[in-house]
N, C-alpha and C. Protein backbone atom coordinates (compact mmCIF):
# COMPACT_ATOMS: atom_id res chain seq x y z
N MET A 1 125.17 109.08 104.79
CA MET A 1 125.13 108.08 103.74
C MET A 1 124.41 106.84 104.26
N THR A 2 123.49 106.31 103.44
CA THR A 2 122.72 105.14 103.83
C THR A 2 123.51 103.87 103.53
N GLU A 3 123.51 102.96 104.47
CA GLU A 3 124.19 101.68 104.27
C GLU A 3 123.43 100.87 103.23
N GLU A 4 124.15 100.30 102.27
CA GLU A 4 123.51 99.48 101.25
C GLU A 4 123.20 98.12 101.84
N VAL A 5 121.92 97.79 101.89
CA VAL A 5 121.47 96.54 102.49
C VAL A 5 121.54 95.39 101.49
N PHE A 6 121.34 95.70 100.21
CA PHE A 6 121.25 94.68 99.18
C PHE A 6 122.50 94.71 98.32
N GLU A 7 123.37 93.74 98.52
CA GLU A 7 124.65 93.69 97.82
C GLU A 7 124.46 93.29 96.36
N LYS A 8 124.98 94.10 95.47
CA LYS A 8 124.88 93.80 94.04
C LYS A 8 125.85 92.67 93.70
N GLY A 9 125.41 91.77 92.82
CA GLY A 9 126.25 90.66 92.40
C GLY A 9 126.26 89.48 93.34
N ALA A 10 125.47 89.54 94.42
CA ALA A 10 125.42 88.45 95.40
C ALA A 10 124.03 87.81 95.38
N ALA A 11 123.97 86.52 95.67
CA ALA A 11 122.69 85.83 95.79
C ALA A 11 121.96 86.37 97.03
N LEU A 12 120.68 86.68 96.87
CA LEU A 12 119.90 87.25 97.96
C LEU A 12 118.69 86.38 98.25
N ASN A 13 118.42 86.15 99.52
CA ASN A 13 117.17 85.53 99.92
C ASN A 13 116.30 86.67 100.45
N LEU A 14 115.49 87.23 99.55
CA LEU A 14 114.74 88.45 99.88
C LEU A 14 113.80 88.27 101.06
N ALA A 15 113.17 87.11 101.17
CA ALA A 15 112.23 86.89 102.27
C ALA A 15 112.93 86.99 103.63
N ASP A 16 114.21 86.67 103.67
CA ASP A 16 114.96 86.76 104.93
C ASP A 16 115.53 88.15 105.18
N MET A 17 115.37 89.05 104.22
CA MET A 17 116.02 90.36 104.34
C MET A 17 115.10 91.45 104.85
N VAL A 18 113.86 91.07 105.22
CA VAL A 18 112.97 92.00 105.89
C VAL A 18 112.27 91.23 107.01
N GLU A 19 112.23 91.83 108.19
CA GLU A 19 111.61 91.18 109.34
C GLU A 19 110.15 91.61 109.45
N TYR A 20 109.42 90.90 110.27
CA TYR A 20 108.05 91.30 110.58
C TYR A 20 108.08 92.25 111.77
N SER A 21 107.11 93.15 111.82
CA SER A 21 106.96 94.07 112.94
C SER A 21 105.55 93.89 113.49
N GLY A 22 105.43 93.52 114.75
CA GLY A 22 104.11 93.32 115.35
C GLY A 22 103.23 94.55 115.17
N GLY A 23 102.10 94.36 114.49
CA GLY A 23 101.15 95.45 114.28
C GLY A 23 101.60 96.49 113.28
N GLY A 24 102.62 96.16 112.47
CA GLY A 24 103.13 97.19 111.58
C GLY A 24 103.48 96.72 110.18
N VAL A 25 104.05 97.65 109.43
CA VAL A 25 104.49 97.44 108.05
C VAL A 25 105.92 97.92 107.95
N ILE A 26 106.77 97.15 107.29
CA ILE A 26 108.15 97.55 107.06
C ILE A 26 108.41 97.55 105.56
N SER A 27 109.14 98.55 105.08
CA SER A 27 109.55 98.56 103.68
C SER A 27 111.04 98.82 103.59
N LYS A 28 111.68 98.16 102.62
CA LYS A 28 113.11 98.35 102.37
C LYS A 28 113.30 98.49 100.86
N GLN A 29 113.91 99.56 100.45
CA GLN A 29 114.14 99.79 99.04
C GLN A 29 115.31 98.92 98.57
N VAL A 30 115.07 98.13 97.52
CA VAL A 30 116.10 97.26 96.96
C VAL A 30 116.88 98.02 95.89
N LEU A 31 116.17 98.61 94.95
CA LEU A 31 116.76 99.41 93.87
C LEU A 31 115.84 100.56 93.51
N LYS A 32 116.43 101.67 93.09
CA LYS A 32 115.64 102.78 92.59
C LYS A 32 116.48 103.54 91.57
N ASN A 33 115.87 103.80 90.40
CA ASN A 33 116.51 104.65 89.41
C ASN A 33 115.43 105.27 88.54
N GLU A 34 115.82 105.94 87.49
CA GLU A 34 114.85 106.66 86.66
C GLU A 34 113.86 105.73 85.96
N SER A 35 114.18 104.45 85.85
CA SER A 35 113.29 103.49 85.19
C SER A 35 112.22 102.93 86.11
N GLY A 36 112.45 103.00 87.42
CA GLY A 36 111.47 102.46 88.37
C GLY A 36 112.12 102.12 89.69
N ASN A 37 111.41 101.31 90.47
CA ASN A 37 111.95 100.90 91.76
C ASN A 37 111.47 99.52 92.14
N ILE A 38 112.25 98.90 93.03
CA ILE A 38 111.93 97.58 93.58
C ILE A 38 112.00 97.72 95.09
N THR A 39 110.91 97.34 95.77
CA THR A 39 110.82 97.52 97.22
C THR A 39 110.33 96.24 97.87
N LEU A 40 110.95 95.89 98.97
CA LEU A 40 110.59 94.73 99.77
C LEU A 40 109.71 95.21 100.93
N PHE A 41 108.61 94.51 101.18
CA PHE A 41 107.68 94.88 102.26
C PHE A 41 107.38 93.68 103.15
N SER A 42 107.07 93.96 104.42
CA SER A 42 106.44 92.98 105.30
C SER A 42 105.24 93.65 105.96
N PHE A 43 104.16 92.88 106.11
CA PHE A 43 102.92 93.35 106.72
C PHE A 43 102.52 92.37 107.81
N ASP A 44 102.21 92.87 108.99
CA ASP A 44 101.65 92.01 110.03
C ASP A 44 100.19 91.72 109.68
N LYS A 45 99.65 90.62 110.20
CA LYS A 45 98.25 90.26 109.95
C LYS A 45 97.34 91.44 110.25
N GLY A 46 96.41 91.72 109.32
CA GLY A 46 95.45 92.80 109.50
C GLY A 46 95.93 94.14 108.98
N GLN A 47 97.21 94.26 108.69
CA GLN A 47 97.75 95.51 108.16
C GLN A 47 97.55 95.55 106.64
N GLY A 48 97.73 96.70 106.03
CA GLY A 48 97.58 96.78 104.59
C GLY A 48 97.85 98.17 104.06
N LEU A 49 97.50 98.36 102.82
CA LEU A 49 97.57 99.67 102.17
C LEU A 49 96.17 99.98 101.68
N SER A 50 95.68 101.16 102.02
CA SER A 50 94.33 101.54 101.61
C SER A 50 94.28 101.76 100.10
N GLU A 51 93.07 101.82 99.59
CA GLU A 51 92.85 101.95 98.16
C GLU A 51 93.55 103.20 97.60
N HIS A 52 94.28 103.00 96.52
CA HIS A 52 95.00 104.10 95.88
C HIS A 52 95.28 103.72 94.42
N THR A 53 95.78 104.66 93.65
CA THR A 53 96.18 104.38 92.27
C THR A 53 97.65 104.76 92.11
N ALA A 54 98.25 104.24 91.06
CA ALA A 54 99.63 104.58 90.70
C ALA A 54 99.67 104.82 89.20
N PRO A 55 100.54 105.71 88.75
CA PRO A 55 100.58 106.03 87.32
C PRO A 55 101.30 104.99 86.47
N PHE A 56 101.83 103.93 87.09
CA PHE A 56 102.59 102.92 86.36
C PHE A 56 102.14 101.52 86.76
N ASP A 57 102.30 100.56 85.85
CA ASP A 57 102.05 99.16 86.18
C ASP A 57 103.01 98.74 87.29
N ALA A 58 102.56 97.80 88.12
CA ALA A 58 103.40 97.29 89.19
C ALA A 58 103.16 95.79 89.33
N VAL A 59 104.21 95.06 89.70
CA VAL A 59 104.12 93.62 89.93
C VAL A 59 104.35 93.37 91.41
N VAL A 60 103.45 92.61 92.02
CA VAL A 60 103.59 92.18 93.41
C VAL A 60 103.87 90.68 93.41
N GLN A 61 104.97 90.29 94.07
CA GLN A 61 105.33 88.88 94.24
C GLN A 61 105.26 88.57 95.73
N ILE A 62 104.47 87.56 96.09
CA ILE A 62 104.34 87.17 97.50
C ILE A 62 105.50 86.23 97.85
N LEU A 63 106.28 86.63 98.84
CA LEU A 63 107.45 85.85 99.27
C LEU A 63 107.17 84.97 100.47
N ASP A 64 106.12 85.32 101.24
CA ASP A 64 105.76 84.57 102.44
C ASP A 64 104.35 84.97 102.83
N GLY A 65 103.57 84.04 103.35
CA GLY A 65 102.25 84.35 103.87
C GLY A 65 101.16 84.49 102.82
N LYS A 66 100.08 85.21 103.19
CA LYS A 66 98.91 85.38 102.32
C LYS A 66 98.42 86.82 102.36
N ALA A 67 98.01 87.30 101.19
CA ALA A 67 97.49 88.67 101.10
C ALA A 67 96.28 88.70 100.18
N GLN A 68 95.37 89.59 100.49
CA GLN A 68 94.26 89.88 99.58
C GLN A 68 94.60 91.19 98.89
N ILE A 69 94.66 91.13 97.58
CA ILE A 69 94.92 92.33 96.78
C ILE A 69 93.68 92.60 95.97
N THR A 70 93.14 93.79 96.13
CA THR A 70 91.92 94.18 95.43
C THR A 70 92.30 95.16 94.33
N ILE A 71 91.93 94.81 93.10
CA ILE A 71 92.23 95.65 91.95
C ILE A 71 90.92 96.00 91.26
N GLY A 72 90.62 97.28 91.18
CA GLY A 72 89.38 97.72 90.56
C GLY A 72 88.15 97.11 91.19
N GLY A 73 88.19 96.90 92.51
CA GLY A 73 87.06 96.34 93.24
C GLY A 73 87.00 94.82 93.27
N ASN A 74 87.93 94.14 92.59
CA ASN A 74 87.94 92.67 92.53
C ASN A 74 89.04 92.11 93.43
N PRO A 75 88.66 91.43 94.54
CA PRO A 75 89.67 90.87 95.44
C PRO A 75 90.27 89.57 94.90
N VAL A 76 91.59 89.42 95.10
CA VAL A 76 92.30 88.21 94.71
C VAL A 76 93.15 87.79 95.90
N LEU A 77 93.06 86.51 96.29
CA LEU A 77 93.87 85.98 97.39
C LEU A 77 95.15 85.41 96.80
N LEU A 78 96.28 85.90 97.29
CA LEU A 78 97.58 85.44 96.80
C LEU A 78 98.35 84.80 97.95
N GLU A 79 99.11 83.75 97.62
CA GLU A 79 99.93 83.05 98.60
C GLU A 79 101.38 83.05 98.14
N LYS A 80 102.25 82.61 99.03
CA LYS A 80 103.68 82.51 98.75
C LYS A 80 103.90 81.87 97.38
N GLY A 81 104.75 82.50 96.59
CA GLY A 81 105.07 81.99 95.27
C GLY A 81 104.22 82.55 94.15
N GLN A 82 103.14 83.26 94.49
CA GLN A 82 102.27 83.82 93.46
C GLN A 82 102.58 85.30 93.25
N ALA A 83 102.16 85.80 92.09
CA ALA A 83 102.37 87.20 91.74
C ALA A 83 101.15 87.73 91.01
N ILE A 84 101.04 89.05 90.95
CA ILE A 84 99.93 89.69 90.24
C ILE A 84 100.44 91.02 89.66
N ILE A 85 99.90 91.38 88.51
CA ILE A 85 100.22 92.67 87.91
C ILE A 85 99.09 93.64 88.24
N MET A 86 99.44 94.76 88.84
CA MET A 86 98.46 95.80 89.14
C MET A 86 98.59 96.85 88.04
N PRO A 87 97.55 97.03 87.23
CA PRO A 87 97.64 97.97 86.11
C PRO A 87 97.65 99.43 86.55
N ALA A 88 98.32 100.25 85.76
CA ALA A 88 98.39 101.68 86.02
C ALA A 88 97.00 102.29 86.05
N ASN A 89 96.83 103.28 86.92
CA ASN A 89 95.62 104.10 86.99
C ASN A 89 94.34 103.35 87.35
N ILE A 90 94.47 102.13 87.89
CA ILE A 90 93.33 101.36 88.40
C ILE A 90 93.51 101.27 89.91
N SER A 91 92.45 101.57 90.66
CA SER A 91 92.58 101.55 92.12
C SER A 91 92.92 100.14 92.61
N HIS A 92 93.76 100.10 93.65
CA HIS A 92 94.13 98.82 94.25
C HIS A 92 94.38 99.03 95.75
N ALA A 93 94.26 97.94 96.50
CA ALA A 93 94.49 97.95 97.94
C ALA A 93 95.05 96.59 98.34
N LEU A 94 95.74 96.54 99.47
CA LEU A 94 96.32 95.30 99.97
C LEU A 94 95.90 95.09 101.42
N LEU A 95 95.65 93.83 101.78
CA LEU A 95 95.30 93.47 103.16
C LEU A 95 95.99 92.17 103.51
N ALA A 96 96.65 92.15 104.66
CA ALA A 96 97.33 90.94 105.14
C ALA A 96 96.31 90.00 105.77
N VAL A 97 95.94 88.95 105.03
CA VAL A 97 95.05 87.91 105.56
C VAL A 97 95.77 87.18 106.69
N GLU A 98 97.05 86.96 106.49
CA GLU A 98 97.97 86.55 107.55
C GLU A 98 99.23 87.37 107.28
N LYS A 99 100.17 87.37 108.20
CA LYS A 99 101.35 88.18 107.93
C LYS A 99 101.98 87.73 106.62
N PHE A 100 102.48 88.71 105.85
CA PHE A 100 103.06 88.36 104.57
C PHE A 100 104.19 89.30 104.19
N LYS A 101 105.03 88.81 103.29
CA LYS A 101 106.12 89.60 102.72
C LYS A 101 105.94 89.62 101.21
N MET A 102 106.30 90.76 100.60
CA MET A 102 106.14 90.88 99.16
C MET A 102 107.27 91.70 98.58
N LEU A 103 107.49 91.50 97.29
CA LEU A 103 108.41 92.31 96.52
C LEU A 103 107.58 93.09 95.51
N LEU A 104 107.69 94.40 95.54
CA LEU A 104 106.96 95.28 94.63
C LEU A 104 107.93 95.83 93.59
N THR A 105 107.61 95.60 92.33
CA THR A 105 108.42 96.11 91.22
C THR A 105 107.57 97.07 90.41
N MET A 106 107.99 98.32 90.33
CA MET A 106 107.26 99.33 89.57
C MET A 106 108.18 99.86 88.47
N ILE A 107 107.69 99.78 87.24
CA ILE A 107 108.45 100.26 86.09
C ILE A 107 107.75 101.49 85.54
N ARG A 108 108.49 102.55 85.42
CA ARG A 108 107.93 103.79 84.87
C ARG A 108 107.81 103.64 83.35
N GLY A 109 106.64 104.03 82.83
CA GLY A 109 106.41 103.87 81.40
C GLY A 109 106.56 105.15 80.62
């Protein structure tokens, strides 16, 4: 049985709930059900996710640092406090301009 990291009904500081890993990427699942999932990520500088598509819209919220998110070939620089919607079936990629943390929310349509 997996220990529940994210307590339901409690105030959470998500940025503090995932650490950075030198030269790596960490992900922690916050919630998952038939409607979608919410995942917390941290990326060390220079790390990222290569270009890919997803069958559902997704929202990325930057909790710390800076990231370049490329959607359909168009790069966008995002900083702490900003968010972007990545549309379904459009290629996207992420690159850590500096180390960053994000919350990814994907809703199945």
